[in-house]
């Protein structure tokens, strides 16, 4: 399993996978990396969203598209 976190200094809105909805991602937000996509993007699932994330459209398990440069990835078994 590959886990990732949004880089600490970042806060941005991102696209929900295959939807026109958006959610706020904040520095330190935990993600589960599901699969690589084109253009250095990854499809990820939101893990334990912050209150601000939930207030701005996010939810547990929400599938989002995140650029690799916006994440710190960590390989785990």
Protein backbone atom coordinates (compact mmCIF):
# COMPACT_ATOMS: atom_id res chain seq x y z
CA UNK A 1 0.00 0.00 0.00
CA UNK A 2 1.25 3.50 -0.75
CA UNK A 3 0.21 6.33 1.53
CA UNK A 4 0.83 9.99 0.90
CA UNK A 5 0.29 13.35 2.54
CA UNK A 6 -0.32 16.71 0.99
CA UNK A 7 2.86 18.75 1.39
CA UNK A 8 2.77 20.84 4.57
CA UNK A 9 2.96 24.25 2.92
CA UNK A 10 0.06 23.61 0.51
CA UNK A 11 -3.67 24.19 0.62
CA UNK A 12 -5.70 23.92 -2.58
CA UNK A 13 -8.94 22.71 -4.15
CA UNK A 14 -8.71 19.55 -6.24
CA UNK A 15 -11.00 17.67 -8.60
CA UNK A 16 -13.02 14.71 -7.45
CA UNK A 17 -12.21 11.80 -9.77
CA UNK A 18 -14.72 11.62 -12.69
CA UNK A 19 -16.86 14.39 -11.22
CA UNK A 20 -17.19 18.15 -11.42
CA UNK A 21 -17.03 18.48 -7.64
CA UNK A 22 -14.09 19.90 -5.73
CA UNK A 23 -12.68 19.47 -2.24
CA UNK A 24 -10.19 21.41 -0.15
CA UNK A 25 -6.92 19.59 0.46
CA UNK A 26 -4.70 20.95 3.23
CA UNK A 27 -1.09 20.39 4.14
CA UNK A 28 -0.74 17.15 6.09
CA UNK A 29 -3.99 15.62 4.72
CA UNK A 30 -3.55 11.84 4.43
CA UNK A 31 -4.27 10.07 1.14
CA UNK A 32 -4.18 6.47 -0.03
CA UNK A 33 -2.61 6.28 -3.48
CA UNK A 34 -4.80 4.03 -5.65
CA UNK A 35 -3.21 4.23 -9.11
CA UNK A 36 -1.02 6.38 -11.33
CA UNK A 37 -2.68 8.38 -14.08
CA UNK A 38 -1.23 10.36 -16.99
CA UNK A 39 0.68 13.64 -16.66
CA UNK A 40 2.28 12.80 -13.29
CA UNK A 41 -1.11 12.62 -11.54
CA UNK A 42 -2.34 9.96 -9.14
CA UNK A 43 -5.84 8.82 -8.26
CA UNK A 44 -6.06 8.84 -4.48
CA UNK A 45 -8.63 8.29 -1.74
CA UNK A 46 -9.01 10.79 1.09
CA UNK A 47 -8.27 9.27 4.51
CA UNK A 48 -9.64 10.88 7.69
CA UNK A 49 -10.52 14.30 6.19
CA UNK A 50 -10.04 17.42 8.28
CA UNK A 51 -13.07 19.47 9.33
CA UNK A 52 -12.11 22.17 6.81
CA UNK A 53 -11.90 19.53 4.07
CA UNK A 54 -15.39 18.26 4.98
CA UNK A 55 -16.75 21.83 5.15
CA UNK A 56 -15.45 22.38 1.62
CA UNK A 57 -16.81 19.24 -0.06
CA UNK A 58 -14.47 16.44 1.02
CA UNK A 59 -15.39 13.13 2.64
CA UNK A 60 -13.77 9.86 3.77
CA UNK A 61 -12.93 7.70 0.75
CA UNK A 62 -13.45 10.53 -1.76
CA UNK A 63 -11.46 9.80 -4.91
CA UNK A 64 -9.33 12.75 -6.00
CA UNK A 65 -6.72 13.51 -8.66
CA UNK A 66 -3.47 14.85 -7.19
CA UNK A 67 -0.20 15.80 -8.89
CA UNK A 68 2.87 13.96 -7.58
CA UNK A 69 4.60 17.29 -6.90
CA UNK A 70 1.87 18.17 -4.35
CA UNK A 71 2.38 15.01 -2.26
CA UNK A 72 4.97 13.35 -0.07
CA UNK A 73 4.66 9.62 -0.83
CA UNK A 74 5.63 6.83 1.54
CA UNK A 75 5.73 3.13 0.56
CA UNK A 76 4.25 0.85 3.22
CA UNK A 77 3.26 -2.82 3.30
